PDB file of all heavy atoms in Angstrom:
ATOM      1  N   HIS A   1       0.789  -1.208  -0.031  1.00  0.00           N
ATOM      2  CA  HIS A   1      -0.015   0.009   0.003  1.00  0.00           C
ATOM      3  C   HIS A   1       0.846   1.247   0.010  1.00  0.00           C
ATOM      4  O   HIS A   1       1.904   1.282   0.610  1.00  0.00           O
ATOM      5  CB  HIS A   1      -0.932   0.002   1.249  1.00  0.00           C
ATOM      6  CG  HIS A   1      -1.815   1.191   1.303  1.00  0.00           C
ATOM      7  ND1 HIS A   1      -2.884   1.389   0.423  1.00  0.00           N
ATOM      8  CD2 HIS A   1      -1.735   2.292   2.124  1.00  0.00           C
ATOM      9  CE1 HIS A   1      -3.478   2.522   0.777  1.00  0.00           C
ATOM     10  NE2 HIS A   1      -2.797   3.111   1.787  1.00  0.00           N
ATOM     11  N   GLY A   2       0.440   2.207  -0.760  1.00  0.00           N
ATOM     12  CA  GLY A   2       1.158   3.519  -0.762  1.00  0.00           C
ATOM     13  C   GLY A   2       2.513   3.433  -1.539  1.00  0.00           C
ATOM     14  O   GLY A   2       2.554   2.872  -2.616  1.00  0.00           O
ATOM     15  N   LEU A   3       3.557   3.950  -0.885  1.00  0.00           N
ATOM     16  CA  LEU A   3       4.891   3.972  -1.483  1.00  0.00           C
ATOM     17  C   LEU A   3       5.714   2.761  -1.064  1.00  0.00           C
ATOM     18  O   LEU A   3       7.004   2.756  -1.306  1.00  0.00           O
ATOM     19  CB  LEU A   3       5.631   5.230  -1.163  1.00  0.00           C
ATOM     20  CG  LEU A   3       4.954   6.544  -1.683  1.00  0.00           C
ATOM     21  CD1 LEU A   3       5.787   7.773  -1.164  1.00  0.00           C
ATOM     22  CD2 LEU A   3       4.868   6.567  -3.146  1.00  0.00           C
ATOM     23  N   GLY A   4       5.141   1.780  -0.538  1.00  0.00           N
ATOM     24  CA  GLY A   4       5.885   0.657  -0.059  1.00  0.00           C
ATOM     25  C   GLY A   4       6.530  -0.137  -1.173  1.00  0.00           C
ATOM     26  O   GLY A   4       7.515  -0.836  -0.968  1.00  0.00           O
ATOM     27  N   PHE A   5       5.963  -0.112  -2.371  1.00  0.00           N
ATOM     28  CA  PHE A   5       6.524  -0.924  -3.456  1.00  0.00           C
ATOM     29  C   PHE A   5       7.870  -0.406  -3.917  1.00  0.00           C
ATOM     30  O   PHE A   5       8.606  -1.010  -4.697  1.00  0.00           O
ATOM     31  CB  PHE A   5       5.517  -1.020  -4.633  1.00  0.00           C
ATOM     32  CG  PHE A   5       5.477   0.256  -5.385  1.00  0.00           C
ATOM     33  CD1 PHE A   5       6.185   0.398  -6.625  1.00  0.00           C
ATOM     34  CD2 PHE A   5       4.640   1.316  -4.980  1.00  0.00           C
ATOM     35  CE1 PHE A   5       6.131   1.565  -7.335  1.00  0.00           C
ATOM     36  CE2 PHE A   5       4.583   2.434  -5.718  1.00  0.00           C
ATOM     37  CZ  PHE A   5       5.310   2.556  -6.956  1.00  0.00           C
ATOM     38  N   LEU A   6       8.207   0.882  -3.464  1.00  0.00           N
ATOM     39  CA  LEU A   6       9.465   1.492  -3.945  1.00  0.00           C
ATOM     40  C   LEU A   6      10.658   0.880  -3.168  1.00  0.00           C
ATOM     41  O   LEU A   6      11.819   0.953  -3.685  1.00  0.00           O
ATOM     42  CB  LEU A   6       9.438   2.971  -3.727  1.00  0.00           C
ATOM     43  CG  LEU A   6       8.504   3.799  -4.580  1.00  0.00           C
ATOM     44  CD1 LEU A   6       8.537   5.235  -4.193  1.00  0.00           C
ATOM     45  CD2 LEU A   6       8.962   3.725  -6.051  1.00  0.00           C
ATOM     46  N   GLU A   7      10.467   0.237  -2.085  1.00  0.00           N
ATOM     47  CA  GLU A   7      11.606  -0.246  -1.304  1.00  0.00           C
ATOM     48  C   GLU A   7      12.423  -1.364  -2.014  1.00  0.00           C
ATOM     49  O   GLU A   7      13.587  -1.256  -2.149  1.00  0.00           O
ATOM     50  CB  GLU A   7      11.098  -0.818   0.005  1.00  0.00           C
ATOM     51  CG  GLU A   7      12.231  -1.318   0.948  1.00  0.00           C
ATOM     52  CD  GLU A   7      11.667  -1.759   2.257  1.00  0.00           C
ATOM     53  OE1 GLU A   7      10.456  -1.650   2.511  1.00  0.00           O
ATOM     54  OE2 GLU A   7      12.471  -2.249   3.091  1.00  0.00           O
ATOM     55  N   PRO A   8      11.738  -2.434  -2.639  1.00  0.00           N
ATOM     56  CA  PRO A   8      12.547  -3.406  -3.361  1.00  0.00           C
ATOM     57  C   PRO A   8      13.185  -2.817  -4.642  1.00  0.00           C
ATOM     58  O   PRO A   8      14.295  -3.191  -4.985  1.00  0.00           O
ATOM     59  CB  PRO A   8      11.545  -4.481  -3.687  1.00  0.00           C
ATOM     60  CG  PRO A   8      10.191  -3.882  -3.584  1.00  0.00           C
ATOM     61  CD  PRO A   8      10.310  -2.799  -2.556  1.00  0.00           C
ATOM     62  N   ALA A   9      12.424  -1.860  -5.235  1.00  0.00           N
ATOM     63  CA  ALA A   9      13.063  -1.282  -6.438  1.00  0.00           C
ATOM     64  C   ALA A   9      14.301  -0.443  -6.107  1.00  0.00           C
ATOM     65  O   ALA A   9      15.319  -0.520  -6.766  1.00  0.00           O
ATOM     66  CB  ALA A   9      12.031  -0.400  -7.119  1.00  0.00           C
ATOM     67  N   MET A  10      14.229   0.345  -5.007  1.00  0.00           N
ATOM     68  CA  MET A  10      15.335   1.125  -4.561  1.00  0.00           C
ATOM     69  C   MET A  10      16.500   0.239  -4.154  1.00  0.00           C
ATOM     70  O   MET A  10      17.675   0.532  -4.337  1.00  0.00           O
ATOM     71  CB  MET A  10      14.974   2.051  -3.441  1.00  0.00           C
ATOM     72  CG  MET A  10      13.944   3.129  -3.883  1.00  0.00           C
ATOM     73  SD  MET A  10      14.601   4.144  -5.274  1.00  0.00           S
ATOM     74  CE  MET A  10      15.932   5.008  -4.421  1.00  0.00           C
ATOM     75  N   SER A  11      16.178  -0.897  -3.521  1.00  0.00           N
ATOM     76  CA  SER A  11      17.226  -1.850  -3.063  1.00  0.00           C
ATOM     77  C   SER A  11      17.945  -2.380  -4.290  1.00  0.00           C
ATOM     78  O   SER A  11      19.223  -2.489  -4.300  1.00  0.00           O
ATOM     79  CB  SER A  11      16.616  -2.978  -2.228  1.00  0.00           C
ATOM     80  OG  SER A  11      17.577  -3.903  -1.896  1.00  0.00           O
ATOM     81  N   GLU A  12      17.184  -2.819  -5.298  1.00  0.00           N
ATOM     82  CA  GLU A  12      17.853  -3.282  -6.524  1.00  0.00           C
ATOM     83  C   GLU A  12      18.675  -2.242  -7.180  1.00  0.00           C
ATOM     84  O   GLU A  12      19.778  -2.466  -7.682  1.00  0.00           O
ATOM     85  CB  GLU A  12      16.754  -3.819  -7.446  1.00  0.00           C
ATOM     86  CG  GLU A  12      17.328  -4.470  -8.705  1.00  0.00           C
ATOM     87  CD  GLU A  12      16.223  -5.032  -9.610  1.00  0.00           C
ATOM     88  OE1 GLU A  12      15.016  -4.928  -9.181  1.00  0.00           O
ATOM     89  OE2 GLU A  12      16.555  -5.605 -10.719  1.00  0.00           O
ATOM     90  N   PHE A  13      18.147  -0.994  -7.207  1.00  0.00           N
ATOM     91  CA  PHE A  13      18.840   0.104  -7.817  1.00  0.00           C
ATOM     92  C   PHE A  13      20.184   0.370  -7.038  1.00  0.00           C
ATOM     93  O   PHE A  13      21.243   0.639  -7.665  1.00  0.00           O
ATOM     94  CB  PHE A  13      18.019   1.353  -7.791  1.00  0.00           C
ATOM     95  CG  PHE A  13      18.694   2.578  -8.297  1.00  0.00           C
ATOM     96  CD1 PHE A  13      18.920   2.718  -9.660  1.00  0.00           C
ATOM     97  CD2 PHE A  13      19.107   3.574  -7.424  1.00  0.00           C
ATOM     98  CE1 PHE A  13      19.591   3.847 -10.090  1.00  0.00           C
ATOM     99  CE2 PHE A  13      19.757   4.726  -7.941  1.00  0.00           C
ATOM    100  CZ  PHE A  13      20.023   4.859  -9.238  1.00  0.00           C
ATOM    101  N   LEU A  14      20.159   0.188  -5.732  1.00  0.00           N
ATOM    102  CA  LEU A  14      21.315   0.390  -4.936  1.00  0.00           C
ATOM    103  C   LEU A  14      22.355  -0.678  -5.261  1.00  0.00           C
ATOM    104  O   LEU A  14      23.576  -0.413  -5.373  1.00  0.00           O
ATOM    105  CB  LEU A  14      20.993   0.324  -3.442  1.00  0.00           C
ATOM    106  CG  LEU A  14      22.142   0.486  -2.442  1.00  0.00           C
ATOM    107  CD1 LEU A  14      22.819   1.902  -2.643  1.00  0.00           C
ATOM    108  CD2 LEU A  14      21.658   0.360  -0.977  1.00  0.00           C
ATOM    109  N   ASP A  15      21.910  -1.919  -5.433  1.00  0.00           N
ATOM    110  CA  ASP A  15      22.856  -3.035  -5.776  1.00  0.00           C
ATOM    111  C   ASP A  15      23.552  -2.779  -7.118  1.00  0.00           C
ATOM    112  O   ASP A  15      24.750  -2.939  -7.275  1.00  0.00           O
ATOM    113  CB  ASP A  15      22.118  -4.359  -5.797  1.00  0.00           C
ATOM    114  CG  ASP A  15      21.674  -4.764  -4.421  1.00  0.00           C
ATOM    115  OD1 ASP A  15      22.229  -4.237  -3.420  1.00  0.00           O
ATOM    116  OD2 ASP A  15      20.735  -5.597  -4.327  1.00  0.00           O
ATOM    117  N   GLU A  16      22.719  -2.337  -8.113  1.00  0.00           N
ATOM    118  CA  GLU A  16      23.293  -2.055  -9.451  1.00  0.00           C
ATOM    119  C   GLU A  16      24.267  -0.872  -9.396  1.00  0.00           C
ATOM    120  O   GLU A  16      25.282  -0.820 -10.110  1.00  0.00           O
ATOM    121  CB  GLU A  16      22.176  -1.783 -10.411  1.00  0.00           C
ATOM    122  CG  GLU A  16      21.218  -2.986 -10.705  1.00  0.00           C
ATOM    123  CD  GLU A  16      21.959  -4.162 -11.340  1.00  0.00           C
ATOM    124  OE1 GLU A  16      23.010  -3.903 -12.018  1.00  0.00           O
ATOM    125  OE2 GLU A  16      21.488  -5.296 -11.120  1.00  0.00           O
ATOM    126  N   THR A  17      23.966   0.139  -8.532  1.00  0.00           N
ATOM    127  CA  THR A  17      24.823   1.222  -8.437  1.00  0.00           C
ATOM    128  C   THR A  17      26.211   0.836  -7.817  1.00  0.00           C
ATOM    129  O   THR A  17      27.261   1.276  -8.251  1.00  0.00           O
ATOM    130  CB  THR A  17      24.154   2.336  -7.563  1.00  0.00           C
ATOM    131  OG1 THR A  17      22.932   2.732  -8.147  1.00  0.00           O
ATOM    132  CG2 THR A  17      25.051   3.586  -7.525  1.00  0.00           C
ATOM    133  N   GLU A  18      26.129  -0.028  -6.812  1.00  0.00           N
ATOM    134  CA  GLU A  18      27.336  -0.549  -6.210  1.00  0.00           C
ATOM    135  C   GLU A  18      28.177  -1.352  -7.195  1.00  0.00           C
ATOM    136  O   GLU A  18      29.370  -1.255  -7.186  1.00  0.00           O
ATOM    137  CB  GLU A  18      26.989  -1.363  -4.943  1.00  0.00           C
ATOM    138  CG  GLU A  18      26.482  -0.519  -3.766  1.00  0.00           C
ATOM    139  CD  GLU A  18      26.054  -1.412  -2.597  1.00  0.00           C
ATOM    140  OE1 GLU A  18      26.200  -2.677  -2.744  1.00  0.00           O
ATOM    141  OE2 GLU A  18      25.732  -0.864  -1.577  1.00  0.00           O
ATOM    142  N   THR A  19      27.467  -2.086  -8.024  1.00  0.00           N
ATOM    143  CA  THR A  19      28.178  -2.900  -9.055  1.00  0.00           C
ATOM    144  C   THR A  19      28.871  -1.998 -10.083  1.00  0.00           C
ATOM    145  O   THR A  19      29.993  -2.214 -10.450  1.00  0.00           O
ATOM    146  CB  THR A  19      27.209  -3.837  -9.772  1.00  0.00           C
ATOM    147  OG1 THR A  19      26.606  -4.745  -8.816  1.00  0.00           O
ATOM    148  CG2 THR A  19      27.923  -4.623 -10.826  1.00  0.00           C
ATOM    149  N   LEU A  20      28.154  -0.893 -10.487  1.00  0.00           N
ATOM    150  CA  LEU A  20      28.700   0.023 -11.406  1.00  0.00           C
ATOM    151  C   LEU A  20      29.893   0.733 -10.776  1.00  0.00           C
ATOM    152  O   LEU A  20      30.953   0.956 -11.410  1.00  0.00           O
ATOM    153  CB  LEU A  20      27.650   1.078 -11.811  1.00  0.00           C
ATOM    154  CG  LEU A  20      28.126   2.219 -12.684  1.00  0.00           C
ATOM    155  CD1 LEU A  20      28.645   1.683 -14.035  1.00  0.00           C
ATOM    156  CD2 LEU A  20      27.029   3.246 -12.899  1.00  0.00           C
ATOM    157  N   HIS A  21      29.820   1.091  -9.463  1.00  0.00           N
ATOM    158  CA  HIS A  21      30.939   1.718  -8.787  1.00  0.00           C
ATOM    159  C   HIS A  21      32.158   0.779  -8.752  1.00  0.00           C
ATOM    160  O   HIS A  21      33.296   1.248  -8.935  1.00  0.00           O
ATOM    161  CB  HIS A  21      30.490   2.121  -7.354  1.00  0.00           C
ATOM    162  CG  HIS A  21      31.591   2.766  -6.586  1.00  0.00           C
ATOM    163  ND1 HIS A  21      32.052   4.041  -6.890  1.00  0.00           N
ATOM    164  CD2 HIS A  21      32.326   2.304  -5.545  1.00  0.00           C
ATOM    165  CE1 HIS A  21      32.996   4.301  -6.000  1.00  0.00           C
ATOM    166  NE2 HIS A  21      33.224   3.294  -5.201  1.00  0.00           N
ATOM    167  N   ALA A  22      31.875  -0.517  -8.479  1.00  0.00           N
ATOM    168  CA  ALA A  22      32.998  -1.477  -8.432  1.00  0.00           C
ATOM    169  C   ALA A  22      33.635  -1.581  -9.825  1.00  0.00           C
ATOM    170  O   ALA A  22      34.891  -1.711  -9.938  1.00  0.00           O
ATOM    171  CB  ALA A  22      32.523  -2.851  -7.946  1.00  0.00           C
ATOM    172  N   ASN A  23      32.823  -1.617 -10.827  1.00  0.00           N
ATOM    173  CA  ASN A  23      33.433  -1.713 -12.188  1.00  0.00           C
ATOM    174  C   ASN A  23      34.287  -0.555 -12.550  1.00  0.00           C
ATOM    175  O   ASN A  23      35.311  -0.617 -13.209  1.00  0.00           O
ATOM    176  CB  ASN A  23      32.333  -1.960 -13.216  1.00  0.00           C
ATOM    177  CG  ASN A  23      31.638  -3.297 -13.051  1.00  0.00           C
ATOM    178  OD1 ASN A  23      32.262  -4.249 -12.572  1.00  0.00           O
ATOM    179  ND2 ASN A  23      30.385  -3.411 -13.524  1.00  0.00           N
ATOM    180  N   LEU A  24      33.741   0.631 -12.202  1.00  0.00           N
ATOM    181  CA  LEU A  24      34.485   1.883 -12.481  1.00  0.00           C
ATOM    182  C   LEU A  24      35.762   1.925 -11.666  1.00  0.00           C
ATOM    183  O   LEU A  24      36.822   2.369 -12.139  1.00  0.00           O
ATOM    184  CB  LEU A  24      33.621   3.067 -12.153  1.00  0.00           C
ATOM    185  CG  LEU A  24      32.405   3.364 -13.048  1.00  0.00           C
ATOM    186  CD1 LEU A  24      31.598   4.515 -12.603  1.00  0.00           C
ATOM    187  CD2 LEU A  24      32.870   3.578 -14.539  1.00  0.00           C
ATOM    188  N   ASP A  25      35.728   1.412 -10.440  1.00  0.00           N
ATOM    189  CA  ASP A  25      36.917   1.383  -9.627  1.00  0.00           C
ATOM    190  C   ASP A  25      37.976   0.403 -10.248  1.00  0.00           C
ATOM    191  O   ASP A  25      39.207   0.673 -10.258  1.00  0.00           O
ATOM    192  CB  ASP A  25      36.587   0.964  -8.172  1.00  0.00           C
ATOM    193  CG  ASP A  25      37.803   1.082  -7.280  1.00  0.00           C
ATOM    194  OD1 ASP A  25      38.289   2.180  -7.130  1.00  0.00           O
ATOM    195  OD2 ASP A  25      38.211   0.017  -6.723  1.00  0.00           O
ATOM    196  N   GLY A  26      37.464  -0.728 -10.836  1.00  0.00           N
ATOM    197  CA  GLY A  26      38.384  -1.680 -11.465  1.00  0.00           C
ATOM    198  C   GLY A  26      38.976  -1.061 -12.743  1.00  0.00           C
ATOM    199  O   GLY A  26      40.204  -1.267 -12.982  1.00  0.00           O
ATOM    200  N   MET A  27      38.197  -0.324 -13.437  1.00  0.00           N
ATOM    201  CA  MET A  27      38.752   0.382 -14.665  1.00  0.00           C
ATOM    202  C   MET A  27      39.826   1.411 -14.238  1.00  0.00           C
ATOM    203  O   MET A  27      40.830   1.529 -14.893  1.00  0.00           O
ATOM    204  CB  MET A  27      37.626   1.108 -15.420  1.00  0.00           C
ATOM    205  CG  MET A  27      36.637   0.098 -16.098  1.00  0.00           C
ATOM    206  SD  MET A  27      37.389  -0.819 -17.398  1.00  0.00           S
ATOM    207  CE  MET A  27      37.619   0.487 -18.559  1.00  0.00           C
ATOM    208  N   ARG A  28      39.599   2.071 -13.137  1.00  0.00           N
ATOM    209  CA  ARG A  28      40.535   3.053 -12.628  1.00  0.00           C
ATOM    210  C   ARG A  28      41.897   2.313 -12.264  1.00  0.00           C
ATOM    211  O   ARG A  28      43.008   2.833 -12.600  1.00  0.00           O
ATOM    212  CB  ARG A  28      39.980   3.804 -11.458  1.00  0.00           C
ATOM    213  CG  ARG A  28      40.968   4.870 -10.913  1.00  0.00           C
ATOM    214  CD  ARG A  28      40.335   5.571  -9.703  1.00  0.00           C
ATOM    215  NE  ARG A  28      40.031   4.596  -8.637  1.00  0.00           N
ATOM    216  CZ  ARG A  28      40.919   4.134  -7.828  1.00  0.00           C
ATOM    217  NH1 ARG A  28      42.179   4.501  -7.914  1.00  0.00           N
ATOM    218  NH2 ARG A  28      40.566   3.257  -6.918  1.00  0.00           N
ATOM    219  N   ARG A  29      41.746   1.215 -11.555  1.00  0.00           N
ATOM    220  CA  ARG A  29      42.959   0.507 -11.163  1.00  0.00           C
ATOM    221  C   ARG A  29      43.701  -0.069 -12.395  1.00  0.00           C
ATOM    222  O   ARG A  29      44.965  -0.063 -12.427  1.00  0.00           O
ATOM    223  CB  ARG A  29      42.580  -0.644 -10.203  1.00  0.00           C
ATOM    224  CG  ARG A  29      42.171  -0.210  -8.843  1.00  0.00           C
ATOM    225  CD  ARG A  29      42.179  -1.368  -7.875  1.00  0.00           C
ATOM    226  NE  ARG A  29      41.293  -2.465  -8.261  1.00  0.00           N
ATOM    227  CZ  ARG A  29      39.990  -2.533  -7.924  1.00  0.00           C
ATOM    228  NH1 ARG A  29      39.450  -1.630  -7.117  1.00  0.00           N
ATOM    229  NH2 ARG A  29      39.227  -3.527  -8.339  1.00  0.00           N
ATOM    230  N   LEU A  30      42.947  -0.538 -13.362  1.00  0.00           N
ATOM    231  CA  LEU A  30      43.552  -0.995 -14.653  1.00  0.00           C
ATOM    232  C   LEU A  30      44.305   0.142 -15.336  1.00  0.00           C
ATOM    233  O   LEU A  30      45.451  -0.043 -15.827  1.00  0.00           O
ATOM    234  CB  LEU A  30      42.537  -1.616 -15.598  1.00  0.00           C
ATOM    235  CG  LEU A  30      43.033  -2.046 -16.935  1.00  0.00           C
ATOM    236  CD1 LEU A  30      44.044  -3.182 -16.769  1.00  0.00           C
ATOM    237  CD2 LEU A  30      41.863  -2.517 -17.799  1.00  0.00           C
ATOM    238  N   SER A  31      43.702   1.323 -15.338  1.00  0.00           N
ATOM    239  CA  SER A  31      44.345   2.456 -15.970  1.00  0.00           C
ATOM    240  C   SER A  31      45.630   2.834 -15.202  1.00  0.00           C
ATOM    241  O   SER A  31      46.674   3.118 -15.808  1.00  0.00           O
ATOM    242  CB  SER A  31      43.410   3.660 -16.008  1.00  0.00           C
ATOM    243  OG  SER A  31      44.007   4.813 -16.539  1.00  0.00           O
ATOM    244  N   ASP A  32      45.588   2.755 -13.912  1.00  0.00           N
ATOM    245  CA  ASP A  32      46.741   3.060 -13.073  1.00  0.00           C
ATOM    246  C   ASP A  32      47.885   2.011 -13.367  1.00  0.00           C
ATOM    247  O   ASP A  32      49.090   2.357 -13.450  1.00  0.00           O
ATOM    248  CB  ASP A  32      46.393   3.049 -11.614  1.00  0.00           C
ATOM    249  CG  ASP A  32      45.467   4.226 -11.223  1.00  0.00           C
ATOM    250  OD1 ASP A  32      45.430   5.205 -12.049  1.00  0.00           O
ATOM    251  OD2 ASP A  32      44.786   4.154 -10.202  1.00  0.00           O
ATOM    252  N   SER A  33      47.492   0.740 -13.501  1.00  0.00           N
ATOM    253  CA  SER A  33      48.477  -0.329 -13.790  1.00  0.00           C
ATOM    254  C   SER A  33      49.114  -0.091 -15.188  1.00  0.00           C
ATOM    255  O   SER A  33      50.350  -0.195 -15.313  1.00  0.00           O
ATOM    256  CB  SER A  33      47.793  -1.714 -13.745  1.00  0.00           C
ATOM    257  OG  SER A  33      47.248  -1.952 -12.448  1.00  0.00           O
ATOM    258  N   LEU A  34      48.308   0.221 -16.149  1.00  0.00           N
ATOM    259  CA  LEU A  34      48.839   0.499 -17.535  1.00  0.00           C
ATOM    260  C   LEU A  34      49.789   1.698 -17.456  1.00  0.00           C
ATOM    261  O   LEU A  34      50.851   1.713 -18.154  1.00  0.00           O
ATOM    262  CB  LEU A  34      47.708   0.706 -18.486  1.00  0.00           C
ATOM    263  CG  LEU A  34      46.914  -0.533 -18.856  1.00  0.00           C
ATOM    264  CD1 LEU A  34      45.761  -0.160 -19.767  1.00  0.00           C
ATOM    265  CD2 LEU A  34      47.767  -1.601 -19.506  1.00  0.00           C
ATOM    266  N   THR A  35      49.367   2.729 -16.743  1.00  0.00           N
ATOM    267  CA  THR A  35      50.251   3.899 -16.666  1.00  0.00           C
ATOM    268  C   THR A  35      51.601   3.561 -15.987  1.00  0.00           C
ATOM    269  O   THR A  35      52.614   3.945 -16.488  1.00  0.00           O
ATOM    270  CB  THR A  35      49.521   5.061 -15.871  1.00  0.00           C
ATOM    271  OG1 THR A  35      48.257   5.316 -16.475  1.00  0.00           O
ATOM    272  CG2 THR A  35      50.365   6.273 -15.750  1.00  0.00           C
TER     273      THR A  35
END
């Protein structure tokens, strides 16, 4: 009821954001290694 259905969607969005952040961090480390 109400805005309660946003909680699982926001949780999934948070997981995908953390995955994106981890991938970007890996790309940064790879760039540092190549440099």
